């Protein structure tokens, strides 16, 4: 099993492979009624060392075993203490 994830800032200036900083469980939900899917994940604290500062409107792409399964924009950013 091979997870691939990329982050692209909404202005197109920043592009990073982020699978190495994803922590815990990644959940992807969708339904058969063509509603928007949802991807939830956490990145390690201090991920700004590679330039990641997620903001609403930025893009996340995800692949599983080399197959593209998700592409979407960030709508909610949260920070833990």
Protein backbone atom coordinates (compact mmCIF):
# COMPACT_ATOMS: atom_id res chain seq x y z
CA UNK A 1 0.00 0.00 0.00
CA UNK A 2 1.45 3.29 -1.10
CA UNK A 3 0.09 6.74 -0.20
CA UNK A 4 0.96 9.77 -2.30
CA UNK A 5 -0.17 13.29 -1.43
CA UNK A 6 0.63 16.67 -2.89
CA UNK A 7 -0.10 20.20 -1.72
CA UNK A 8 -0.42 23.16 -4.09
CA UNK A 9 -1.00 26.68 -2.80
CA UNK A 10 -3.95 28.53 -4.33
CA UNK A 11 -1.61 31.05 -5.97
CA UNK A 12 0.35 28.22 -7.62
CA UNK A 13 3.67 29.25 -6.08
CA UNK A 14 4.14 26.38 -3.62
CA UNK A 15 4.05 22.69 -4.50
CA UNK A 16 5.09 19.94 -2.10
CA UNK A 17 4.90 16.18 -1.77
CA UNK A 18 3.45 15.85 1.72
CA UNK A 19 2.90 12.12 2.31
CA UNK A 20 5.98 12.06 4.55
CA UNK A 21 4.44 14.53 7.02
CA UNK A 22 0.92 13.05 7.13
CA UNK A 23 0.18 11.55 10.54
CA UNK A 24 -2.41 9.12 11.80
CA UNK A 25 -5.44 8.03 9.85
CA UNK A 26 -6.39 9.47 6.47
CA UNK A 27 -10.13 9.30 5.77
CA UNK A 28 -11.73 9.77 2.38
CA UNK A 29 -15.51 9.79 2.10
CA UNK A 30 -17.73 10.06 -0.93
CA UNK A 31 -21.18 8.88 -1.97
CA UNK A 32 -22.97 7.66 -5.07
CA UNK A 33 -25.06 10.85 -5.46
CA UNK A 34 -22.15 12.88 -6.90
CA UNK A 35 -21.87 15.10 -3.83
CA UNK A 36 -18.48 16.53 -2.96
CA UNK A 37 -16.08 14.07 -1.37
CA UNK A 38 -14.15 14.79 1.79
CA UNK A 39 -10.55 14.06 2.72
CA UNK A 40 -9.43 14.43 6.33
CA UNK A 41 -5.86 14.12 7.55
CA UNK A 42 -3.34 15.63 9.94
CA UNK A 43 0.19 16.78 9.26
CA UNK A 44 2.96 16.76 11.82
CA UNK A 45 3.56 19.82 13.92
CA UNK A 46 6.45 21.79 12.48
CA UNK A 47 5.59 20.93 8.88
CA UNK A 48 6.36 24.52 8.05
CA UNK A 49 9.98 23.31 7.79
CA UNK A 50 9.09 22.19 4.28
CA UNK A 51 6.93 25.23 3.58
CA UNK A 52 3.43 23.90 4.25
CA UNK A 53 1.08 26.54 5.60
CA UNK A 54 -2.37 25.25 4.58
CA UNK A 55 -5.04 27.82 3.84
CA UNK A 56 -8.57 27.68 2.53
CA UNK A 57 -8.53 27.36 -1.26
CA UNK A 58 -5.23 25.47 -1.49
CA UNK A 59 -5.29 22.15 -3.38
CA UNK A 60 -4.67 18.63 -2.08
CA UNK A 61 -4.23 15.66 -4.42
CA UNK A 62 -4.04 12.06 -3.19
CA UNK A 63 -3.02 8.81 -4.85
CA UNK A 64 -3.30 5.29 -3.51
CA UNK A 65 -1.08 2.62 -5.05
CA UNK A 66 -0.34 5.00 -7.93
CA UNK A 67 -3.99 5.73 -8.77
CA UNK A 68 -5.42 9.23 -8.50
CA UNK A 69 -8.37 9.08 -6.12
CA UNK A 70 -8.80 12.61 -4.79
CA UNK A 71 -8.27 16.19 -5.92
CA UNK A 72 -9.87 19.02 -4.02
CA UNK A 73 -9.57 22.36 -2.32
CA UNK A 74 -9.08 22.95 1.38
CA UNK A 75 -12.24 24.28 3.01
CA UNK A 76 -11.32 23.93 6.69
CA UNK A 77 -7.98 24.26 8.45
CA UNK A 78 -7.63 23.48 12.14
CA UNK A 79 -4.72 23.53 14.53
CA UNK A 80 -4.25 21.46 17.67
CA UNK A 81 -2.52 22.76 20.75
